[in-house]
Amino acid sequence: MIKLAIFDLDGTLLNTIEDLGTACNHALKMCGYPERDMCEYNTLVGRGIYNLFMGALPQSARTEKEVMRMKTHFIPFYDEHKCDRTRPYNGIYGMLDRLNENGIRLAVASNKYQDGTEKLVRRFFGKYSFVRILGQRDGMPIKPDPMIVTEAMSAAGISDKADVIYSGDSDVDMQTGINADVRTAGVTWGFRTREELMAYRPWAIADSPDQLCRLILEA
């Protein structure tokens, strides 16, 4: 029986792609580089802002110095505009309500920087009591390292991995679940393809939040 449901944030609970892409394009422009097509961000996001900037920069400019320049422009712009177009996917509130009603504990495990993760979760999901809201933090490994899943389990007081499910929309999420040795569900409404998720042979694939909810409750 599942007791703890851990969710990725971007592409899983929230559709953040336009605000992320717009902020990254702003940073590119401010640093004197060409902007990226919005569709490119589907594959650029998901590995933390360091890797987002490295991927978005022209290959000849992918240096630590330019990444830090990008960060100085990205963070304040994104902090101001992160909710312009970002919204929960259809059905997310209903899923979280049902899980809550059935006593399933909730956690967020994201590669978005910690402050941004916390602000978005509070803004859109403030009525829910998450055992942990975890993002990218200095000195801590990012996904697919399994430590973020271990942290959430510890916060929930759960040691049996059979009681846990991790859900996400990308290859990084699938690998995170594998590395953590917990049941892993891929969601197809996010930024990546079903084929990408299937390549990792996850425990389940969900095509809607309602289907994911049923999978969790029936596990």
N, C-alpha and C. Protein backbone atom coordinates (compact mmCIF):
# COMPACT_ATOMS: atom_id res chain seq x y z
N MET A 1 0.84 -1.21 0.00
CA MET A 1 0.00 0.00 0.00
C MET A 1 0.88 1.25 0.00
N ILE A 2 0.57 2.19 -0.89
CA ILE A 2 1.34 3.42 -0.95
C ILE A 2 0.95 4.34 0.20
N LYS A 3 1.96 4.84 0.90
CA LYS A 3 1.74 5.79 1.99
C LYS A 3 2.29 7.19 1.67
N LEU A 4 3.26 7.25 0.72
CA LEU A 4 3.89 8.52 0.37
C LEU A 4 3.97 8.64 -1.14
N ALA A 5 3.41 9.72 -1.68
CA ALA A 5 3.50 10.02 -3.12
C ALA A 5 4.40 11.23 -3.31
N ILE A 6 5.52 11.02 -4.00
CA ILE A 6 6.49 12.10 -4.26
C ILE A 6 6.35 12.51 -5.71
N PHE A 7 6.24 13.82 -5.94
CA PHE A 7 6.02 14.33 -7.29
C PHE A 7 7.14 15.26 -7.73
N ASP A 8 7.56 15.10 -8.97
CA ASP A 8 8.31 16.14 -9.65
C ASP A 8 7.39 17.35 -9.77
N LEU A 9 7.97 18.55 -10.03
CA LEU A 9 7.14 19.75 -10.10
C LEU A 9 6.89 20.19 -11.54
N ASP A 10 7.95 20.64 -12.22
CA ASP A 10 7.81 21.15 -13.59
C ASP A 10 7.49 20.02 -14.56
N GLY A 11 6.38 20.13 -15.25
CA GLY A 11 6.00 19.10 -16.20
C GLY A 11 5.21 17.97 -15.59
N THR A 12 5.02 18.02 -14.27
CA THR A 12 4.27 16.97 -13.59
C THR A 12 3.07 17.55 -12.85
N LEU A 13 3.33 18.45 -11.90
CA LEU A 13 2.25 19.15 -11.23
C LEU A 13 1.91 20.46 -11.94
N LEU A 14 2.94 21.16 -12.42
CA LEU A 14 2.75 22.48 -13.04
C LEU A 14 3.29 22.52 -14.46
N ASN A 15 2.55 23.20 -15.33
CA ASN A 15 3.05 23.51 -16.68
C ASN A 15 3.78 24.85 -16.60
N THR A 16 5.09 24.78 -16.49
CA THR A 16 5.92 25.97 -16.26
C THR A 16 6.73 26.37 -17.50
N ILE A 17 6.56 25.68 -18.61
CA ILE A 17 7.52 25.77 -19.70
C ILE A 17 7.61 27.17 -20.30
N GLU A 18 6.48 27.86 -20.45
CA GLU A 18 6.53 29.19 -21.08
C GLU A 18 7.25 30.19 -20.20
N ASP A 19 6.99 30.16 -18.90
CA ASP A 19 7.66 31.10 -18.01
C ASP A 19 9.14 30.79 -17.88
N LEU A 20 9.50 29.52 -17.85
CA LEU A 20 10.92 29.14 -17.82
C LEU A 20 11.62 29.58 -19.10
N GLY A 21 11.00 29.29 -20.25
CA GLY A 21 11.60 29.65 -21.52
C GLY A 21 11.73 31.15 -21.71
N THR A 22 10.72 31.88 -21.30
CA THR A 22 10.75 33.33 -21.42
C THR A 22 11.86 33.92 -20.55
N ALA A 23 12.01 33.40 -19.33
CA ALA A 23 13.06 33.90 -18.43
C ALA A 23 14.45 33.56 -18.96
N CYS A 24 14.60 32.37 -19.50
CA CYS A 24 15.90 31.98 -20.04
C CYS A 24 16.23 32.80 -21.28
N ASN A 25 15.25 33.04 -22.12
CA ASN A 25 15.48 33.88 -23.30
C ASN A 25 15.83 35.31 -22.90
N HIS A 26 15.22 35.81 -21.84
CA HIS A 26 15.58 37.13 -21.33
C HIS A 26 17.05 37.16 -20.91
N ALA A 27 17.47 36.11 -20.18
CA ALA A 27 18.87 36.05 -19.74
C ALA A 27 19.82 35.95 -20.93
N LEU A 28 19.46 35.15 -21.92
CA LEU A 28 20.28 35.04 -23.13
C LEU A 28 20.41 36.40 -23.81
N LYS A 29 19.31 37.08 -23.96
CA LYS A 29 19.30 38.39 -24.61
C LYS A 29 20.16 39.39 -23.84
N MET A 30 20.03 39.41 -22.53
CA MET A 30 20.80 40.34 -21.70
C MET A 30 22.29 40.06 -21.75
N CYS A 31 22.63 38.80 -22.01
CA CYS A 31 24.05 38.42 -22.12
C CYS A 31 24.57 38.53 -23.55
N GLY A 32 23.71 38.94 -24.48
CA GLY A 32 24.13 39.15 -25.86
C GLY A 32 24.10 37.93 -26.74
N TYR A 33 23.28 36.94 -26.37
CA TYR A 33 23.21 35.70 -27.14
C TYR A 33 21.83 35.54 -27.78
N PRO A 34 21.74 34.77 -28.86
CA PRO A 34 20.44 34.56 -29.50
C PRO A 34 19.49 33.77 -28.61
N GLU A 35 18.22 34.11 -28.70
CA GLU A 35 17.20 33.41 -27.93
C GLU A 35 16.91 32.04 -28.56
N ARG A 36 16.37 31.16 -27.75
CA ARG A 36 16.01 29.82 -28.21
C ARG A 36 14.52 29.77 -28.57
N ASP A 37 14.18 28.89 -29.50
CA ASP A 37 12.77 28.63 -29.77
C ASP A 37 12.14 28.01 -28.54
N MET A 38 10.92 28.38 -28.25
CA MET A 38 10.26 27.89 -27.04
C MET A 38 10.19 26.37 -27.01
N CYS A 39 10.02 25.75 -28.15
CA CYS A 39 9.91 24.29 -28.18
C CYS A 39 11.19 23.59 -27.72
N GLU A 40 12.33 24.27 -27.82
CA GLU A 40 13.59 23.67 -27.39
C GLU A 40 13.64 23.47 -25.89
N TYR A 41 12.87 24.26 -25.16
CA TYR A 41 12.94 24.18 -23.70
C TYR A 41 12.34 22.89 -23.14
N ASN A 42 11.54 22.19 -23.93
CA ASN A 42 11.01 20.91 -23.45
C ASN A 42 12.12 19.93 -23.10
N THR A 43 13.23 20.00 -23.83
CA THR A 43 14.34 19.10 -23.55
C THR A 43 15.46 19.77 -22.75
N LEU A 44 15.46 21.10 -22.68
CA LEU A 44 16.51 21.80 -21.94
C LEU A 44 16.24 21.83 -20.44
N VAL A 45 14.96 21.86 -20.05
CA VAL A 45 14.64 21.94 -18.63
C VAL A 45 14.66 20.55 -17.99
N GLY A 46 14.73 20.55 -16.66
CA GLY A 46 14.63 19.29 -15.92
C GLY A 46 15.88 18.85 -15.21
N ARG A 47 17.00 19.54 -15.48
CA ARG A 47 18.27 19.14 -14.87
C ARG A 47 18.89 20.27 -14.05
N GLY A 48 18.05 21.18 -13.58
CA GLY A 48 18.54 22.29 -12.78
C GLY A 48 18.94 23.46 -13.66
N ILE A 49 19.05 24.67 -13.05
CA ILE A 49 19.30 25.85 -13.86
C ILE A 49 20.72 25.88 -14.43
N TYR A 50 21.68 25.28 -13.75
CA TYR A 50 23.05 25.24 -14.29
C TYR A 50 23.04 24.55 -15.65
N ASN A 51 22.42 23.39 -15.71
CA ASN A 51 22.37 22.65 -16.97
C ASN A 51 21.44 23.30 -17.98
N LEU A 52 20.40 23.99 -17.50
CA LEU A 52 19.54 24.75 -18.41
C LEU A 52 20.36 25.83 -19.11
N PHE A 53 21.15 26.57 -18.36
CA PHE A 53 21.95 27.64 -18.97
C PHE A 53 23.02 27.07 -19.89
N MET A 54 23.65 25.99 -19.47
CA MET A 54 24.70 25.38 -20.31
C MET A 54 24.11 24.91 -21.63
N GLY A 55 22.90 24.37 -21.59
CA GLY A 55 22.28 23.90 -22.80
C GLY A 55 21.77 25.02 -23.69
N ALA A 56 21.31 26.12 -23.07
CA ALA A 56 20.75 27.23 -23.83
C ALA A 56 21.82 28.11 -24.47
N LEU A 57 22.96 28.24 -23.82
CA LEU A 57 24.04 29.06 -24.36
C LEU A 57 24.60 28.46 -25.64
N PRO A 58 25.09 29.30 -26.56
CA PRO A 58 25.82 28.76 -27.71
C PRO A 58 27.00 27.91 -27.23
N GLN A 59 27.33 26.90 -27.97
CA GLN A 59 28.36 25.97 -27.52
C GLN A 59 29.67 26.66 -27.16
N SER A 60 30.04 27.69 -27.92
CA SER A 60 31.31 28.38 -27.67
C SER A 60 31.28 29.22 -26.40
N ALA A 61 30.11 29.44 -25.84
CA ALA A 61 29.98 30.31 -24.66
C ALA A 61 29.68 29.52 -23.39
N ARG A 62 29.74 28.20 -23.44
CA ARG A 62 29.36 27.38 -22.29
C ARG A 62 30.49 27.29 -21.27
N THR A 63 30.61 28.36 -20.49
CA THR A 63 31.63 28.46 -19.45
C THR A 63 30.97 28.79 -18.12
N GLU A 64 31.70 28.55 -17.03
CA GLU A 64 31.19 28.87 -15.70
C GLU A 64 30.85 30.36 -15.60
N LYS A 65 31.70 31.20 -16.18
CA LYS A 65 31.49 32.64 -16.11
C LYS A 65 30.17 33.03 -16.77
N GLU A 66 29.89 32.48 -17.94
CA GLU A 66 28.66 32.83 -18.65
C GLU A 66 27.43 32.25 -17.96
N VAL A 67 27.58 31.10 -17.36
CA VAL A 67 26.48 30.53 -16.59
C VAL A 67 26.11 31.46 -15.43
N MET A 68 27.11 31.98 -14.75
CA MET A 68 26.84 32.88 -13.63
C MET A 68 26.23 34.19 -14.12
N ARG A 69 26.65 34.67 -15.27
CA ARG A 69 26.03 35.87 -15.85
C ARG A 69 24.56 35.61 -16.16
N MET A 70 24.30 34.45 -16.74
CA MET A 70 22.92 34.08 -17.04
C MET A 70 22.07 34.06 -15.75
N LYS A 71 22.63 33.51 -14.71
CA LYS A 71 21.90 33.38 -13.44
C LYS A 71 21.51 34.74 -12.88
N THR A 72 22.41 35.73 -12.99
CA THR A 72 22.12 37.06 -12.44
C THR A 72 20.94 37.72 -13.14
N HIS A 73 20.72 37.38 -14.39
CA HIS A 73 19.58 37.93 -15.13
C HIS A 73 18.33 37.06 -15.00
N PHE A 74 18.54 35.75 -14.95
CA PHE A 74 17.41 34.82 -14.93
C PHE A 74 16.63 34.89 -13.62
N ILE A 75 17.33 34.80 -12.49
CA ILE A 75 16.66 34.65 -11.20
C ILE A 75 15.69 35.79 -10.90
N PRO A 76 16.12 37.06 -10.96
CA PRO A 76 15.16 38.13 -10.66
C PRO A 76 14.00 38.21 -11.65
N PHE A 77 14.29 37.95 -12.93
CA PHE A 77 13.22 37.99 -13.94
C PHE A 77 12.23 36.87 -13.70
N TYR A 78 12.72 35.65 -13.49
CA TYR A 78 11.84 34.51 -13.27
C TYR A 78 11.05 34.67 -11.98
N ASP A 79 11.69 35.20 -10.95
CA ASP A 79 11.00 35.38 -9.68
C ASP A 79 9.80 36.32 -9.83
N GLU A 80 9.93 37.31 -10.71
CA GLU A 80 8.85 38.26 -10.93
C GLU A 80 7.77 37.71 -11.87
N HIS A 81 8.18 36.84 -12.80
CA HIS A 81 7.26 36.41 -13.86
C HIS A 81 6.92 34.92 -13.82
N LYS A 82 7.29 34.22 -12.76
CA LYS A 82 7.15 32.77 -12.73
C LYS A 82 5.70 32.28 -12.76
N CYS A 83 4.76 33.18 -12.46
CA CYS A 83 3.35 32.77 -12.46
C CYS A 83 2.56 33.42 -13.60
N ASP A 84 3.26 34.02 -14.56
CA ASP A 84 2.55 34.68 -15.67
C ASP A 84 1.68 33.70 -16.44
N ARG A 85 2.26 32.58 -16.83
CA ARG A 85 1.53 31.58 -17.61
C ARG A 85 1.52 30.20 -16.95
N THR A 86 2.26 30.05 -15.89
CA THR A 86 2.33 28.77 -15.19
C THR A 86 1.00 28.43 -14.54
N ARG A 87 0.56 27.20 -14.74
CA ARG A 87 -0.69 26.72 -14.16
C ARG A 87 -0.58 25.22 -13.85
N PRO A 88 -1.34 24.74 -12.87
CA PRO A 88 -1.42 23.29 -12.67
C PRO A 88 -2.07 22.64 -13.89
N TYR A 89 -1.65 21.45 -14.21
CA TYR A 89 -2.29 20.71 -15.29
C TYR A 89 -3.72 20.36 -14.88
N ASN A 90 -4.59 20.24 -15.86
CA ASN A 90 -5.98 19.86 -15.59
C ASN A 90 -6.03 18.53 -14.83
N GLY A 91 -6.75 18.52 -13.76
CA GLY A 91 -6.92 17.31 -12.98
C GLY A 91 -5.98 17.18 -11.79
N ILE A 92 -4.98 18.05 -11.68
CA ILE A 92 -4.01 17.93 -10.59
C ILE A 92 -4.66 18.18 -9.23
N TYR A 93 -5.47 19.22 -9.13
CA TYR A 93 -6.12 19.49 -7.84
C TYR A 93 -7.01 18.33 -7.41
N GLY A 94 -7.76 17.77 -8.35
CA GLY A 94 -8.61 16.64 -8.02
C GLY A 94 -7.81 15.45 -7.55
N MET A 95 -6.67 15.20 -8.20
CA MET A 95 -5.80 14.09 -7.80
C MET A 95 -5.28 14.30 -6.38
N LEU A 96 -4.75 15.49 -6.10
CA LEU A 96 -4.19 15.76 -4.77
C LEU A 96 -5.27 15.70 -3.70
N ASP A 97 -6.47 16.19 -4.03
CA ASP A 97 -7.58 16.11 -3.07
C ASP A 97 -7.89 14.66 -2.72
N ARG A 98 -7.99 13.80 -3.72
CA ARG A 98 -8.33 12.40 -3.48
C ARG A 98 -7.23 11.69 -2.68
N LEU A 99 -5.98 11.96 -3.02
CA LEU A 99 -4.88 11.34 -2.28
C LEU A 99 -4.91 11.79 -0.82
N ASN A 100 -5.14 13.08 -0.62
CA ASN A 100 -5.25 13.63 0.74
C ASN A 100 -6.36 12.95 1.52
N GLU A 101 -7.52 12.83 0.89
CA GLU A 101 -8.68 12.23 1.54
C GLU A 101 -8.44 10.77 1.92
N ASN A 102 -7.55 10.12 1.18
CA ASN A 102 -7.25 8.71 1.44
C ASN A 102 -6.01 8.52 2.31
N GLY A 103 -5.52 9.61 2.89
CA GLY A 103 -4.41 9.51 3.84
C GLY A 103 -3.04 9.34 3.24
N ILE A 104 -2.92 9.57 1.93
CA ILE A 104 -1.61 9.48 1.27
C ILE A 104 -0.83 10.76 1.56
N ARG A 105 0.37 10.62 2.06
CA ARG A 105 1.19 11.80 2.33
C ARG A 105 1.85 12.26 1.02
N LEU A 106 2.14 13.56 0.92
CA LEU A 106 2.61 14.16 -0.32
C LEU A 106 3.95 14.83 -0.12
N ALA A 107 4.78 14.79 -1.18
CA ALA A 107 6.06 15.51 -1.17
C ALA A 107 6.39 15.96 -2.58
N VAL A 108 7.21 16.99 -2.69
CA VAL A 108 7.69 17.49 -3.98
C VAL A 108 9.20 17.32 -4.03
N ALA A 109 9.70 16.80 -5.14
CA ALA A 109 11.13 16.62 -5.35
C ALA A 109 11.49 17.16 -6.73
N SER A 110 12.10 18.34 -6.76
CA SER A 110 12.34 19.05 -8.02
C SER A 110 13.81 19.39 -8.20
N ASN A 111 14.21 19.58 -9.46
CA ASN A 111 15.54 20.11 -9.76
C ASN A 111 15.51 21.63 -9.94
N LYS A 112 14.34 22.26 -9.77
CA LYS A 112 14.27 23.71 -9.76
C LYS A 112 14.94 24.22 -8.48
N TYR A 113 15.57 25.37 -8.56
CA TYR A 113 16.23 25.91 -7.36
C TYR A 113 15.22 26.04 -6.22
N GLN A 114 15.71 25.86 -4.99
CA GLN A 114 14.85 25.69 -3.82
C GLN A 114 13.85 26.83 -3.63
N ASP A 115 14.31 28.06 -3.72
CA ASP A 115 13.42 29.19 -3.49
C ASP A 115 12.27 29.21 -4.49
N GLY A 116 12.59 28.96 -5.76
CA GLY A 116 11.56 28.93 -6.79
C GLY A 116 10.58 27.79 -6.57
N THR A 117 11.09 26.65 -6.16
CA THR A 117 10.23 25.49 -5.89
C THR A 117 9.25 25.80 -4.77
N GLU A 118 9.77 26.33 -3.67
CA GLU A 118 8.92 26.63 -2.53
C GLU A 118 7.85 27.67 -2.87
N LYS A 119 8.24 28.71 -3.58
CA LYS A 119 7.28 29.78 -3.91
C LYS A 119 6.17 29.27 -4.81
N LEU A 120 6.52 28.46 -5.79
CA LEU A 120 5.48 27.94 -6.69
C LEU A 120 4.55 26.98 -5.97
N VAL A 121 5.10 26.11 -5.13
CA VAL A 121 4.24 25.17 -4.41
C VAL A 121 3.31 25.92 -3.46
N ARG A 122 3.82 26.92 -2.78
CA ARG A 122 2.96 27.70 -1.88
C ARG A 122 1.89 28.46 -2.65
N ARG A 123 2.27 28.98 -3.82
CA ARG A 123 1.33 29.77 -4.61
C ARG A 123 0.18 28.91 -5.14
N PHE A 124 0.50 27.74 -5.67
CA PHE A 124 -0.53 26.93 -6.31
C PHE A 124 -1.08 25.80 -5.44
N PHE A 125 -0.31 25.37 -4.45
CA PHE A 125 -0.72 24.20 -3.66
C PHE A 125 -0.64 24.46 -2.17
N GLY A 126 -0.88 25.70 -1.79
CA GLY A 126 -0.73 26.09 -0.39
C GLY A 126 -1.67 25.39 0.57
N LYS A 127 -2.79 24.87 0.07
CA LYS A 127 -3.75 24.22 0.98
C LYS A 127 -3.35 22.80 1.36
N TYR A 128 -2.34 22.26 0.69
CA TYR A 128 -1.90 20.90 0.97
C TYR A 128 -0.70 20.89 1.92
N SER A 129 -0.65 19.89 2.77
CA SER A 129 0.46 19.76 3.73
C SER A 129 1.49 18.77 3.19
N PHE A 130 2.46 19.28 2.46
CA PHE A 130 3.53 18.44 1.94
C PHE A 130 4.53 18.15 3.07
N VAL A 131 4.96 16.89 3.16
CA VAL A 131 5.93 16.54 4.20
C VAL A 131 7.27 17.20 3.93
N ARG A 132 7.60 17.40 2.66
CA ARG A 132 8.80 18.13 2.27
C ARG A 132 8.58 18.73 0.89
N ILE A 133 9.12 19.95 0.70
CA ILE A 133 9.17 20.60 -0.61
C ILE A 133 10.65 20.76 -0.92
N LEU A 134 11.16 19.91 -1.79
CA LEU A 134 12.60 19.83 -2.02
C LEU A 134 12.95 20.27 -3.43
N GLY A 135 13.94 21.18 -3.52
CA GLY A 135 14.44 21.64 -4.80
C GLY A 135 15.95 21.54 -4.84
N GLN A 136 16.55 22.20 -5.82
CA GLN A 136 18.01 22.21 -5.97
C GLN A 136 18.61 23.13 -4.92
N ARG A 137 19.56 22.59 -4.14
CA ARG A 137 20.21 23.35 -3.08
C ARG A 137 21.72 23.21 -3.18
N ASP A 138 22.40 24.26 -2.80
CA ASP A 138 23.87 24.23 -2.84
C ASP A 138 24.39 23.10 -1.97
N GLY A 139 25.34 22.36 -2.52
CA GLY A 139 25.97 21.28 -1.77
C GLY A 139 25.19 19.98 -1.76
N MET A 140 24.02 19.97 -2.41
CA MET A 140 23.22 18.76 -2.45
C MET A 140 23.13 18.27 -3.89
N PRO A 141 23.20 16.96 -4.10
CA PRO A 141 23.12 16.44 -5.46
C PRO A 141 21.73 16.62 -6.05
N ILE A 142 21.66 16.79 -7.35
CA ILE A 142 20.37 16.92 -8.02
C ILE A 142 19.94 15.56 -8.57
N LYS A 143 18.68 15.46 -8.92
CA LYS A 143 18.20 14.25 -9.59
C LYS A 143 18.97 14.05 -10.89
N PRO A 144 19.29 12.82 -11.24
CA PRO A 144 18.71 11.55 -10.77
C PRO A 144 19.34 10.93 -9.52
N ASP A 145 20.17 11.69 -8.79
CA ASP A 145 20.62 11.17 -7.51
C ASP A 145 19.40 10.89 -6.64
N PRO A 146 19.37 9.74 -5.96
CA PRO A 146 18.17 9.36 -5.19
C PRO A 146 18.04 10.03 -3.83
N MET A 147 19.02 10.84 -3.44
CA MET A 147 18.99 11.42 -2.09
C MET A 147 17.72 12.20 -1.81
N ILE A 148 17.18 12.87 -2.84
CA ILE A 148 15.99 13.70 -2.66
C ILE A 148 14.79 12.83 -2.29
N VAL A 149 14.73 11.62 -2.82
CA VAL A 149 13.66 10.68 -2.46
C VAL A 149 13.87 10.20 -1.02
N THR A 150 15.12 9.91 -0.68
CA THR A 150 15.44 9.46 0.68
C THR A 150 15.07 10.53 1.70
N GLU A 151 15.33 11.80 1.36
CA GLU A 151 14.97 12.90 2.25
C GLU A 151 13.46 12.95 2.50
N ALA A 152 12.71 12.83 1.44
CA ALA A 152 11.25 12.87 1.56
C ALA A 152 10.74 11.71 2.41
N MET A 153 11.30 10.53 2.18
CA MET A 153 10.90 9.37 2.97
C MET A 153 11.21 9.58 4.44
N SER A 154 12.38 10.10 4.74
CA SER A 154 12.77 10.34 6.12
C SER A 154 11.83 11.34 6.79
N ALA A 155 11.46 12.40 6.04
CA ALA A 155 10.56 13.41 6.59
C ALA A 155 9.18 12.82 6.90
N ALA A 156 8.78 11.84 6.10
CA ALA A 156 7.48 11.19 6.32
C ALA A 156 7.55 10.06 7.33
N GLY A 157 8.75 9.75 7.80
CA GLY A 157 8.91 8.65 8.75
C GLY A 157 8.70 7.29 8.13
N ILE A 158 9.03 7.18 6.84
CA ILE A 158 8.81 5.93 6.10
C ILE A 158 10.16 5.32 5.72
N SER A 159 10.34 4.06 6.01
CA SER A 159 11.58 3.37 5.67
C SER A 159 11.39 2.29 4.62
N ASP A 160 10.17 1.80 4.49
CA ASP A 160 9.89 0.72 3.53
C ASP A 160 9.65 1.32 2.14
N LYS A 161 10.50 1.01 1.20
CA LYS A 161 10.39 1.57 -0.15
C LYS A 161 9.14 1.11 -0.87
N ALA A 162 8.56 0.02 -0.43
CA ALA A 162 7.32 -0.47 -1.04
C ALA A 162 6.15 0.45 -0.75
N ASP A 163 6.32 1.37 0.21
CA ASP A 163 5.26 2.30 0.59
C ASP A 163 5.33 3.61 -0.19
N VAL A 164 6.25 3.69 -1.15
CA VAL A 164 6.54 4.97 -1.80
C VAL A 164 6.37 4.87 -3.31
N ILE A 165 5.85 5.95 -3.92
CA ILE A 165 5.84 6.07 -5.37
C ILE A 165 6.40 7.43 -5.75
N TYR A 166 7.20 7.46 -6.79
CA TYR A 166 7.74 8.71 -7.31
C TYR A 166 7.22 8.90 -8.74
N SER A 167 6.70 10.09 -9.04
CA SER A 167 6.11 10.36 -10.35
C SER A 167 6.78 11.56 -11.01
N GLY A 168 7.04 11.43 -12.32
CA GLY A 168 7.64 12.54 -13.06
C GLY A 168 7.46 12.37 -14.55
N ASP A 169 7.90 13.39 -15.30
CA ASP A 169 7.61 13.44 -16.74
C ASP A 169 8.82 13.25 -17.63
N SER A 170 10.01 12.98 -17.05
CA SER A 170 11.22 12.98 -17.88
C SER A 170 12.11 11.77 -17.62
N ASP A 171 13.11 11.62 -18.46
CA ASP A 171 14.11 10.57 -18.27
C ASP A 171 14.82 10.73 -16.93
N VAL A 172 15.07 11.97 -16.51
CA VAL A 172 15.70 12.22 -15.22
C VAL A 172 14.84 11.65 -14.10
N ASP A 173 13.55 11.84 -14.19
CA ASP A 173 12.65 11.32 -13.16
C ASP A 173 12.61 9.80 -13.14
N MET A 174 12.57 9.21 -14.32
CA MET A 174 12.56 7.75 -14.38
C MET A 174 13.83 7.18 -13.76
N GLN A 175 14.96 7.79 -14.06
CA GLN A 175 16.23 7.31 -13.51
C GLN A 175 16.29 7.56 -12.01
N THR A 176 15.71 8.66 -11.55
CA THR A 176 15.66 8.94 -10.11
C THR A 176 14.93 7.83 -9.38
N GLY A 177 13.78 7.43 -9.91
CA GLY A 177 13.02 6.36 -9.28
C GLY A 177 13.77 5.04 -9.27
N ILE A 178 14.44 4.75 -10.39
CA ILE A 178 15.25 3.53 -10.46
C ILE A 178 16.36 3.57 -9.42
N ASN A 179 17.06 4.71 -9.35
CA ASN A 179 18.17 4.84 -8.40
C ASN A 179 17.71 4.75 -6.95
N ALA A 180 16.49 5.25 -6.69
CA ALA A 180 15.94 5.20 -5.33
C ALA A 180 15.31 3.85 -5.01
N ASP A 181 15.12 3.02 -6.03
CA ASP A 181 14.53 1.69 -5.86
C ASP A 181 13.11 1.77 -5.30
N VAL A 182 12.33 2.75 -5.85
CA VAL A 182 10.91 2.86 -5.47
C VAL A 182 10.08 2.73 -6.73
N ARG A 183 8.80 2.44 -6.54
CA ARG A 183 7.91 2.41 -7.68
C ARG A 183 7.90 3.77 -8.37
N THR A 184 7.98 3.73 -9.69
CA THR A 184 8.11 4.97 -10.46
C THR A 184 7.04 5.02 -11.54
N ALA A 185 6.36 6.17 -11.62
CA ALA A 185 5.33 6.37 -12.63
C ALA A 185 5.73 7.51 -13.55
N GLY A 186 5.68 7.26 -14.84
CA GLY A 186 5.91 8.31 -15.82
C GLY A 186 4.59 8.96 -16.19
N VAL A 187 4.58 10.28 -16.34
CA VAL A 187 3.36 10.99 -16.73
C VAL A 187 3.56 11.59 -18.11
N THR A 188 2.56 11.41 -18.97
CA THR A 188 2.71 11.76 -20.38
C THR A 188 2.21 13.16 -20.71
N TRP A 189 1.67 13.88 -19.72
CA TRP A 189 1.14 15.22 -20.01
C TRP A 189 2.20 16.31 -19.86
N GLY A 190 3.44 15.94 -19.55
CA GLY A 190 4.49 16.92 -19.30
C GLY A 190 5.28 17.31 -20.53
N PHE A 191 6.60 17.46 -20.34
CA PHE A 191 7.46 18.05 -21.37
C PHE A 191 8.11 17.02 -22.29
N ARG A 192 8.05 15.74 -21.93
CA ARG A 192 8.76 14.73 -22.70
C ARG A 192 7.79 13.73 -23.33
N THR A 193 8.33 12.80 -24.07
CA THR A 193 7.49 11.86 -24.82
C THR A 193 7.26 10.56 -24.04
N ARG A 194 6.19 9.89 -24.40
CA ARG A 194 5.91 8.56 -23.84
C ARG A 194 7.07 7.60 -24.12
N GLU A 195 7.63 7.71 -25.33
CA GLU A 195 8.74 6.82 -25.72
C GLU A 195 9.94 6.99 -24.80
N GLU A 196 10.22 8.23 -24.44
CA GLU A 196 11.34 8.49 -23.53
C GLU A 196 11.10 7.83 -22.18
N LEU A 197 9.90 7.93 -21.69
CA LEU A 197 9.56 7.34 -20.40
C LEU A 197 9.58 5.82 -20.46
N MET A 198 9.01 5.25 -21.53
CA MET A 198 8.93 3.79 -21.66
C MET A 198 10.30 3.15 -21.75
N ALA A 199 11.28 3.88 -22.25
CA ALA A 199 12.62 3.32 -22.39
C ALA A 199 13.21 2.90 -21.04
N TYR A 200 12.69 3.46 -19.96
CA TYR A 200 13.20 3.15 -18.62
C TYR A 200 12.37 2.08 -17.91
N ARG A 201 11.35 1.56 -18.60
CA ARG A 201 10.50 0.51 -18.04
C ARG A 201 10.00 0.85 -16.63
N PRO A 202 9.30 1.98 -16.50
CA PRO A 202 8.79 2.35 -15.18
C PRO A 202 7.70 1.40 -14.71
N TRP A 203 7.38 1.48 -13.44
CA TRP A 203 6.32 0.65 -12.86
C TRP A 203 5.00 0.92 -13.57
N ALA A 204 4.75 2.18 -13.95
CA ALA A 204 3.50 2.52 -14.62
C ALA A 204 3.68 3.78 -15.47
N ILE A 205 2.80 3.94 -16.44
CA ILE A 205 2.69 5.16 -17.24
C ILE A 205 1.27 5.68 -17.07
N ALA A 206 1.14 6.97 -16.76
CA ALA A 206 -0.18 7.57 -16.59
C ALA A 206 -0.40 8.65 -17.64
N ASP A 207 -1.57 8.63 -18.24
CA ASP A 207 -1.91 9.60 -19.27
C ASP A 207 -2.76 10.76 -18.74
N SER A 208 -3.14 10.68 -17.47
CA SER A 208 -3.92 11.75 -16.86
C SER A 208 -3.71 11.71 -15.35
N PRO A 209 -3.89 12.85 -14.66
CA PRO A 209 -3.81 12.82 -13.20
C PRO A 209 -4.81 11.87 -12.57
N ASP A 210 -5.98 11.73 -13.16
CA ASP A 210 -6.97 10.80 -12.62
C ASP A 210 -6.46 9.37 -12.68
N GLN A 211 -5.82 9.01 -13.79
CA GLN A 211 -5.27 7.67 -13.92
C GLN A 211 -4.13 7.46 -12.93
N LEU A 212 -3.28 8.47 -12.75
CA LEU A 212 -2.19 8.36 -11.79
C LEU A 212 -2.75 8.18 -10.38
N CYS A 213 -3.79 8.92 -10.07
CA CYS A 213 -4.41 8.80 -8.74
C CYS A 213 -4.91 7.37 -8.50
N ARG A 214 -5.57 6.82 -9.48
CA ARG A 214 -6.09 5.44 -9.33
C ARG A 214 -4.94 4.45 -9.17
N LEU A 215 -3.88 4.64 -9.93
CA LEU A 215 -2.72 3.74 -9.81
C LEU A 215 -2.14 3.78 -8.39
N ILE A 216 -2.05 4.99 -7.82
CA ILE A 216 -1.49 5.13 -6.49
C ILE A 216 -2.41 4.49 -5.44
N LEU A 217 -3.70 4.75 -5.55
CA LEU A 217 -4.63 4.24 -4.55
C LEU A 217 -4.82 2.73 -4.62
N GLU A 218 -4.60 2.17 -5.81
CA GLU A 218 -4.81 0.74 -5.99
C GLU A 218 -3.52 -0.08 -5.86
N ALA A 219 -2.39 0.60 -5.69
CA ALA A 219 -1.09 -0.10 -5.63
C ALA A 219 -1.00 -0.98 -4.38
